[in-house]
């Protein structure tokens, strides 16, 4: 019999406390700690359960994780005893690792939002079901975590899947297929999300028409959309240091983008301490808060980080009022290893209240136990 890689007691406490001692199974939220019989006793009815298995022959297997990764808090999810018993039969086939990771991310993000006392109800993008598509393998179900990476070869459908998600708010995201006679191929997909109640948006795109059904009722557009902030592919190519170009990248009006640059926190320590827009709409940045230079004077990597900071600031603001997803179709290309690692950690941190979808080259080894949900297309 293979040796089990058990959690330490201190790790179990971390897993339980991150879940606020409540079951992480969707729609359960049952408290698992409370008073015992004696005045000084407590009763604990929850379990720190492994996502990838404690033993090599256990349900869901151990993937390619090492011993330290298997016993890390990222590999544990807190559940009540009922749901602890539910997920392991049939070798965990009904609840594979990516599903349990999504449950863990959803629950911990909800707890973090409650602690932060945000004003709006909690929302979340749960699942994308791709039924028919000319550009991705079908059928396919994608479970979203707090941070999700789409990885695959060129032409595998990474960008297409992200556009399906974006079209929950912006039908224009599918503009390449909204022209009659442009492509006769049919696209069918469903998005399950919470706003804060659970909703299902079914989308069918064919013959240049986009048909929406929200909770089985046909609607002309989605009246309960997610907030979508998208940094498109190759955003820096041909970009000029003017407000109009920046506003086009994020799909907002120049006036709104100008307000965002002035009112949101867009700073990078030791790189950008201030941002301003001149009277002729040129974007300028300052390294010390005093002397300003035009955006084009920054290096390519620095420009990329500026765009990332703009996207993060816009998404964080949007997440204060509705469920929001930041789609980084341009990935983290152009960043060195140190800055890449910093953004991978930061985008999955509870302090950022939005979800992230990252389209990247898919170096799985540096993101699996950063807590990212990994989707191979």
Protein backbone atom coordinates (compact mmCIF):
# COMPACT_ATOMS: atom_id res chain seq x y z
CA UNK A 1 0.00 0.00 0.00
CA UNK A 2 1.36 3.42 -0.92
CA UNK A 3 2.26 5.86 1.81
CA UNK A 4 -0.26 8.65 2.44
CA UNK A 5 0.89 12.25 2.33
CA UNK A 6 -1.23 13.65 5.17
CA UNK A 7 -1.77 17.28 6.07
CA UNK A 8 -0.08 18.64 9.16
CA UNK A 9 -2.42 19.98 11.85
CA UNK A 10 -1.20 23.51 11.12
CA UNK A 11 -2.09 23.04 7.44
CA UNK A 12 -5.57 21.81 8.34
CA UNK A 13 -6.11 24.98 10.38
CA UNK A 14 -5.05 27.13 7.43
CA UNK A 15 -7.47 25.32 5.10
CA UNK A 16 -10.31 25.59 7.63
CA UNK A 17 -9.68 29.23 8.47
CA UNK A 18 -9.47 30.29 4.81
CA UNK A 19 -12.91 28.72 4.42
CA UNK A 20 -14.16 30.45 7.60
CA UNK A 21 -14.85 26.93 8.94
CA UNK A 22 -17.73 26.62 6.46
CA UNK A 23 -18.20 23.88 3.88
CA UNK A 24 -16.80 24.86 0.49
CA UNK A 25 -19.23 22.73 -1.50
CA UNK A 26 -21.47 25.02 -3.63
CA UNK A 27 -24.74 26.02 -1.97
CA UNK A 28 -23.81 24.28 1.29
CA UNK A 29 -21.85 26.84 3.33
CA UNK A 30 -22.65 24.82 6.46
CA UNK A 31 -20.76 25.93 9.60
CA UNK A 32 -18.50 23.15 10.85
CA UNK A 33 -17.32 24.49 14.21
CA UNK A 34 -19.32 25.45 17.27
CA UNK A 35 -19.90 24.88 20.98
CA UNK A 36 -19.41 21.45 22.50
CA UNK A 37 -21.24 19.96 25.48
CA UNK A 38 -18.98 21.33 28.22
CA UNK A 39 -18.58 25.13 28.50
CA UNK A 40 -14.95 24.94 27.48
CA UNK A 41 -15.46 22.43 24.63
CA UNK A 42 -15.79 23.03 20.90
CA UNK A 43 -17.25 20.73 18.28
CA UNK A 44 -15.56 20.37 14.88
CA UNK A 45 -17.57 18.68 12.13
CA UNK A 46 -15.49 19.59 9.08
CA UNK A 47 -12.68 17.89 7.19
CA UNK A 48 -9.59 19.16 5.39
CA UNK A 49 -9.86 17.00 2.28
CA UNK A 50 -7.22 16.44 -0.38
CA UNK A 51 -7.88 17.65 -3.92
CA UNK A 52 -5.12 15.58 -5.47
CA UNK A 53 -5.01 12.39 -3.44
CA UNK A 54 -2.98 11.74 -0.31
CA UNK A 55 -2.02 8.32 -1.70
CA UNK A 56 -0.93 7.44 -5.22
CA UNK A 57 -3.79 4.93 -5.57
CA UNK A 58 -6.38 7.34 -4.16
CA UNK A 59 -9.24 9.04 -5.99
CA UNK A 60 -8.19 11.71 -8.56
CA UNK A 61 -4.57 10.51 -8.37
CA UNK A 62 -1.65 12.74 -7.49
CA UNK A 63 -1.04 14.35 -10.86
CA UNK A 64 2.60 15.36 -11.14
CA UNK A 65 2.73 16.93 -7.66
CA UNK A 66 5.62 16.37 -5.29
CA UNK A 67 5.33 15.61 -1.58
CA UNK A 68 5.47 19.27 -0.50
CA UNK A 69 2.79 20.22 -3.03
CA UNK A 70 0.50 17.38 -1.99
CA UNK A 71 0.61 18.46 1.66
CA UNK A 72 0.34 22.21 0.90
CA UNK A 73 -2.80 24.21 1.78
CA UNK A 74 -3.44 24.75 -1.95
CA UNK A 75 -4.18 21.01 -2.22
CA UNK A 76 -6.84 21.07 0.48
CA UNK A 77 -10.49 22.02 0.48
CA UNK A 78 -12.67 22.33 3.59
CA UNK A 79 -15.92 20.35 3.58
CA UNK A 80 -18.61 19.21 5.94
CA UNK A 81 -18.73 15.50 6.63
CA UNK A 82 -21.63 14.92 4.22
CA UNK A 83 -19.82 16.42 1.25
CA UNK A 84 -16.50 14.95 2.32
CA UNK A 85 -17.99 11.49 1.70
CA UNK A 86 -19.72 12.51 -1.53
CA UNK A 87 -16.77 13.44 -3.73
CA UNK A 88 -14.52 10.38 -3.55
CA UNK A 89 -16.66 7.45 -4.86
CA UNK A 90 -15.95 6.23 -8.41
CA UNK A 91 -12.33 7.31 -7.90
CA UNK A 92 -13.45 10.90 -7.72
CA UNK A 93 -14.65 10.81 -11.32
CA UNK A 94 -17.65 13.04 -10.63
CA UNK A 95 -15.43 15.63 -8.93
CA UNK A 96 -12.04 15.81 -10.69
CA UNK A 97 -9.31 18.15 -9.37
CA UNK A 98 -10.23 21.11 -11.58
CA UNK A 99 -13.81 21.04 -10.25
CA UNK A 100 -12.72 20.92 -6.60
CA UNK A 101 -10.20 23.71 -7.23
CA UNK A 102 -13.02 25.82 -8.69
CA UNK A 103 -15.19 25.14 -5.61
CA UNK A 104 -12.31 26.12 -3.32
CA UNK A 105 -11.61 29.35 -5.24
CA UNK A 106 -15.27 30.34 -5.31
CA UNK A 107 -15.77 29.78 -1.58
CA UNK A 108 -12.56 31.48 -0.44
CA UNK A 109 -13.24 34.48 -2.68
CA UNK A 110 -16.73 34.79 -1.25
CA UNK A 111 -15.33 34.73 2.29
CA UNK A 112 -12.70 37.33 1.36
CA UNK A 113 -15.39 39.59 -0.04
CA UNK A 114 -17.44 39.28 3.15
CA UNK A 115 -14.41 40.21 5.23
CA UNK A 116 -13.74 43.19 2.98
CA UNK A 117 -17.36 44.31 3.43
CA UNK A 118 -17.87 45.13 -0.24
CA UNK A 119 -21.24 46.73 -0.90
CA UNK A 120 -22.47 44.63 -3.81
CA UNK A 121 -23.59 40.98 -3.66
CA UNK A 122 -20.98 38.38 -4.53
CA UNK A 123 -20.91 37.08 -8.10
CA UNK A 124 -18.84 34.51 -9.94
CA UNK A 125 -18.30 32.94 -13.36
CA UNK A 126 -18.73 29.21 -12.69
CA UNK A 127 -18.62 27.21 -15.91
CA UNK A 128 -18.47 27.59 -19.67
CA UNK A 129 -19.99 24.74 -21.67
CA UNK A 130 -18.91 24.79 -25.33
CA UNK A 131 -21.40 22.68 -27.26
CA UNK A 132 -20.62 23.47 -30.91
CA UNK A 133 -17.63 25.41 -32.19
CA UNK A 134 -15.50 25.40 -35.33
CA UNK A 135 -12.39 26.37 -33.36
CA UNK A 136 -12.31 24.30 -30.16
CA UNK A 137 -12.77 20.67 -29.35
CA UNK A 138 -16.36 19.95 -28.37
CA UNK A 139 -18.14 19.28 -26.19
CA UNK A 140 -16.01 20.96 -23.53
CA UNK A 141 -16.68 22.21 -20.00
CA UNK A 142 -14.41 24.82 -18.43
CA UNK A 143 -14.58 25.39 -14.66
CA UNK A 144 -13.35 28.82 -13.63
CA UNK A 145 -11.29 29.49 -10.54
CA UNK A 146 -10.27 32.78 -9.02
CA UNK A 147 -7.58 32.76 -11.69
CA UNK A 148 -7.71 30.52 -14.74
CA UNK A 149 -5.16 29.93 -17.49
CA UNK A 150 -6.09 28.83 -21.01
CA UNK A 151 -3.12 26.98 -22.51
CA UNK A 152 -2.62 25.25 -25.82
CA UNK A 153 -0.98 25.41 -29.21
CA UNK A 154 -1.72 28.17 -31.70
CA UNK A 155 -5.16 27.55 -33.19
CA UNK A 156 -6.35 25.41 -30.27
CA UNK A 157 -9.22 27.79 -29.44
CA UNK A 158 -7.83 29.68 -26.43
CA UNK A 159 -8.89 33.10 -27.68
CA UNK A 160 -12.20 31.76 -29.00
CA UNK A 161 -13.10 30.37 -25.56
CA UNK A 162 -12.28 33.72 -23.96
CA UNK A 163 -14.47 35.52 -26.52
CA UNK A 164 -17.38 33.22 -25.66
CA UNK A 165 -17.00 34.39 -22.06
CA UNK A 166 -16.66 38.05 -23.09
CA UNK A 167 -19.82 37.86 -25.23
CA UNK A 168 -21.84 37.45 -22.02
CA UNK A 169 -21.47 41.23 -21.81
CA UNK A 170 -20.25 42.36 -25.23
CA UNK A 171 -21.87 40.80 -28.32
CA UNK A 172 -19.20 42.77 -30.24
CA UNK A 173 -16.66 40.27 -28.92
CA UNK A 174 -18.01 37.95 -31.62
CA UNK A 175 -17.88 40.59 -34.35
CA UNK A 176 -15.84 38.36 -36.67
CA UNK A 177 -18.80 36.00 -36.86
CA UNK A 178 -21.67 38.51 -36.73
CA UNK A 179 -21.32 39.50 -40.38
CA UNK A 180 -23.85 37.61 -42.52
CA UNK A 181 -22.07 35.21 -44.87
CA UNK A 182 -18.74 35.74 -43.05
CA UNK A 183 -18.75 32.22 -41.63
CA UNK A 184 -21.58 29.76 -41.78
CA UNK A 185 -20.20 27.72 -38.89
CA UNK A 186 -22.42 27.47 -35.83
CA UNK A 187 -21.36 28.46 -32.31
CA UNK A 188 -23.34 27.18 -29.31
CA UNK A 189 -22.26 27.64 -25.72
CA UNK A 190 -23.64 28.18 -22.22
CA UNK A 191 -22.27 30.22 -19.34
CA UNK A 192 -23.20 29.37 -15.75
CA UNK A 193 -22.63 32.30 -13.42
CA UNK A 194 -23.84 33.87 -10.18
CA UNK A 195 -25.11 37.44 -9.97
CA UNK A 196 -25.59 36.65 -7.05
CA UNK A 197 -28.19 33.97 -7.84
CA UNK A 198 -27.23 31.20 -10.22
CA UNK A 199 -28.05 31.93 -13.87
CA UNK A 200 -27.54 30.16 -17.16
CA UNK A 201 -26.94 32.12 -20.35
CA UNK A 202 -27.33 30.06 -23.52
CA UNK A 203 -25.89 31.57 -26.70
CA UNK A 204 -26.33 30.47 -30.30
CA UNK A 205 -24.56 32.28 -33.12
CA UNK A 206 -25.41 31.29 -36.66
CA UNK A 207 -25.85 33.07 -39.99
CA UNK A 208 -24.64 36.34 -38.51
CA UNK A 209 -27.26 36.36 -35.73
CA UNK A 210 -26.70 36.00 -32.00
CA UNK A 211 -29.54 34.49 -29.97
CA UNK A 212 -29.54 34.69 -26.17
CA UNK A 213 -31.58 32.67 -23.68
CA UNK A 214 -31.30 33.63 -20.01
CA UNK A 215 -32.58 30.92 -17.68
CA UNK A 216 -34.45 29.33 -20.64
CA UNK A 217 -36.17 32.58 -21.67
CA UNK A 218 -35.17 34.24 -24.94
CA UNK A 219 -33.86 37.77 -24.44
CA UNK A 220 -32.58 40.37 -26.94
CA UNK A 221 -29.43 40.85 -24.86
CA UNK A 222 -28.15 39.73 -21.47
CA UNK A 223 -29.78 41.99 -18.83
CA UNK A 224 -27.60 40.50 -16.04
CA UNK A 225 -24.13 40.64 -17.54
CA UNK A 226 -20.81 40.03 -15.93
CA UNK A 227 -18.33 42.87 -15.91
CA UNK A 228 -15.72 42.10 -18.55
CA UNK A 229 -12.38 43.91 -18.81
CA UNK A 230 -10.30 42.61 -21.70
CA UNK A 231 -6.70 43.24 -22.71
CA UNK A 232 -6.68 42.02 -26.31
CA UNK A 233 -3.96 40.09 -28.06
CA UNK A 234 -0.94 42.11 -29.24
CA UNK A 235 -2.39 45.22 -27.62
CA UNK A 236 0.89 47.12 -27.87
CA UNK A 237 1.32 46.56 -31.60
CA UNK A 238 0.88 49.91 -33.30
CA UNK A 239 -0.30 51.61 -30.11
CA UNK A 240 0.46 55.33 -29.97
CA UNK A 241 0.89 57.17 -26.63
CA UNK A 242 -2.48 58.87 -26.92
CA UNK A 243 -5.70 58.49 -24.99
CA UNK A 244 -7.74 57.32 -27.98
CA UNK A 245 -5.52 54.30 -28.59
CA UNK A 246 -5.63 53.27 -24.93
CA UNK A 247 -9.41 53.61 -24.78
CA UNK A 248 -9.80 51.39 -27.88
CA UNK A 249 -7.69 48.68 -26.28
CA UNK A 250 -10.07 48.40 -23.31
CA UNK A 251 -13.25 49.12 -25.26
CA UNK A 252 -14.27 52.25 -23.35
CA UNK A 253 -14.79 55.86 -24.40
CA UNK A 254 -11.82 58.26 -24.24
CA UNK A 255 -13.66 60.34 -21.64
CA UNK A 256 -14.15 57.30 -19.38
CA UNK A 257 -10.53 56.20 -19.86
CA UNK A 258 -9.33 59.67 -18.93
CA UNK A 259 -11.44 59.59 -15.79
CA UNK A 260 -10.05 56.15 -14.95
CA UNK A 261 -6.44 57.28 -15.32
CA UNK A 262 -7.14 60.23 -13.05
CA UNK A 263 -9.27 58.48 -10.44
CA UNK A 264 -7.95 54.92 -10.16
CA UNK A 265 -4.69 53.79 -8.62
CA UNK A 266 -2.35 52.98 -11.51
CA UNK A 267 1.12 52.79 -10.02
CA UNK A 268 4.10 50.45 -10.26
CA UNK A 269 6.67 50.84 -7.46
CA UNK A 270 9.98 52.21 -8.72
CA UNK A 271 8.57 52.48 -12.23
CA UNK A 272 5.37 54.54 -12.36
CA UNK A 273 4.39 56.87 -9.54
CA UNK A 274 2.04 59.08 -11.52
CA UNK A 275 -0.02 59.17 -14.73
CA UNK A 276 -1.52 62.16 -16.50
CA UNK A 277 -3.12 63.07 -19.82
CA UNK A 278 -2.03 66.30 -21.48
CA UNK A 279 -4.37 68.80 -23.14
CA UNK A 280 -3.71 67.17 -26.51
CA UNK A 281 -4.53 63.71 -25.06
CA UNK A 282 -0.96 62.39 -24.83
CA UNK A 283 -0.42 59.87 -22.00
CA UNK A 284 2.52 60.70 -19.77
CA UNK A 285 3.96 58.81 -16.81
CA UNK A 286 6.35 59.73 -14.03
CA UNK A 287 8.85 57.57 -12.20
CA UNK A 288 9.12 59.98 -9.25
CA UNK A 289 5.75 61.74 -9.28
CA UNK A 290 7.33 64.95 -10.56
CA UNK A 291 9.07 64.61 -13.92
CA UNK A 292 6.80 63.19 -16.66
CA UNK A 293 7.74 61.40 -19.87
CA UNK A 294 5.55 60.08 -22.69
CA UNK A 295 4.34 56.49 -22.52
CA UNK A 296 6.42 55.57 -25.59
CA UNK A 297 9.63 56.31 -23.66
CA UNK A 298 9.04 53.20 -21.54
CA UNK A 299 10.52 49.87 -22.58
CA UNK A 300 8.29 47.19 -24.08
CA UNK A 301 8.09 45.31 -20.78
CA UNK A 302 7.29 48.51 -18.90
CA UNK A 303 4.56 49.39 -21.38
CA UNK A 304 3.09 45.92 -20.93
CA UNK A 305 3.03 46.35 -17.15
CA UNK A 306 1.32 49.72 -17.57
CA UNK A 307 -1.46 48.07 -19.62
CA UNK A 308 -1.75 45.30 -17.03
CA UNK A 309 -2.08 47.89 -14.26
CA UNK A 310 -4.77 49.72 -16.23
CA UNK A 311 -6.69 46.47 -16.68
CA UNK A 312 -6.32 45.53 -13.00
CA UNK A 313 -7.49 48.96 -11.84
CA UNK A 314 -10.52 48.90 -14.16
CA UNK A 315 -11.41 45.33 -13.09
CA UNK A 316 -11.03 46.10 -9.38
CA UNK A 317 -13.31 49.11 -9.71
CA UNK A 318 -15.90 47.10 -11.67
CA UNK A 319 -15.74 44.27 -9.09
CA UNK A 320 -16.84 46.71 -6.40
CA UNK A 321 -20.27 46.74 -8.04
CA UNK A 322 -20.72 43.47 -9.97
CA UNK A 323 -19.07 40.15 -10.72
CA UNK A 324 -16.11 40.89 -12.99
CA UNK A 325 -13.64 38.92 -15.09
CA UNK A 326 -10.35 40.32 -16.37
CA UNK A 327 -9.43 38.58 -19.64
CA UNK A 328 -5.74 38.86 -20.48
CA UNK A 329 -5.79 37.69 -24.08
CA UNK A 330 -2.29 39.11 -24.43
CA UNK A 331 -1.09 36.87 -21.62
CA UNK A 332 2.03 37.89 -19.71
CA UNK A 333 4.21 37.91 -22.81
CA UNK A 334 7.07 40.38 -22.71
CA UNK A 335 7.66 40.12 -18.95
CA UNK A 336 10.77 38.65 -17.41
CA UNK A 337 10.51 35.69 -15.02
CA UNK A 338 10.48 37.83 -11.89
CA UNK A 339 7.65 40.10 -13.01
CA UNK A 340 5.70 37.15 -14.44
CA UNK A 341 5.85 35.42 -11.04
CA UNK A 342 4.74 38.62 -9.30
CA UNK A 343 1.65 38.96 -11.51
CA UNK A 344 0.78 35.26 -11.23
CA UNK A 345 0.75 35.58 -7.44
CA UNK A 346 -0.99 38.96 -7.37
CA UNK A 347 -3.82 38.10 -9.77
CA UNK A 348 -4.79 35.16 -7.56
CA UNK A 349 -4.65 37.15 -4.31
CA UNK A 350 -7.89 37.72 -2.32
CA UNK A 351 -7.25 41.48 -2.33
CA UNK A 352 -8.19 41.56 -6.01
CA UNK A 353 -11.90 40.84 -6.01
CA UNK A 354 -12.27 39.89 -9.68
CA UNK A 355 -11.57 36.66 -11.55
CA UNK A 356 -8.84 36.47 -14.16
CA UNK A 357 -8.58 34.45 -17.37
CA UNK A 358 -5.03 34.39 -18.73
CA UNK A 359 -4.15 33.19 -22.22
CA UNK A 360 -0.52 32.24 -22.06
CA UNK A 361 2.15 29.95 -23.38
CA UNK A 362 1.19 27.59 -20.59
CA UNK A 363 4.33 26.97 -18.61
CA UNK A 364 2.33 24.82 -16.24
CA UNK A 365 5.16 24.24 -13.79
CA UNK A 366 5.10 27.83 -12.51
CA UNK A 367 1.35 28.20 -12.10
CA UNK A 368 -0.15 24.91 -10.90
CA UNK A 369 0.33 25.55 -7.20
CA UNK A 370 0.03 29.27 -7.39
CA UNK A 371 -3.61 28.21 -7.14
CA UNK A 372 -4.40 28.84 -10.81
CA UNK A 373 -6.99 26.74 -12.58
CA UNK A 374 -5.25 25.19 -15.59
CA UNK A 375 -7.30 24.54 -18.74
CA UNK A 376 -5.61 22.78 -21.65
CA UNK A 377 -7.28 23.41 -25.01
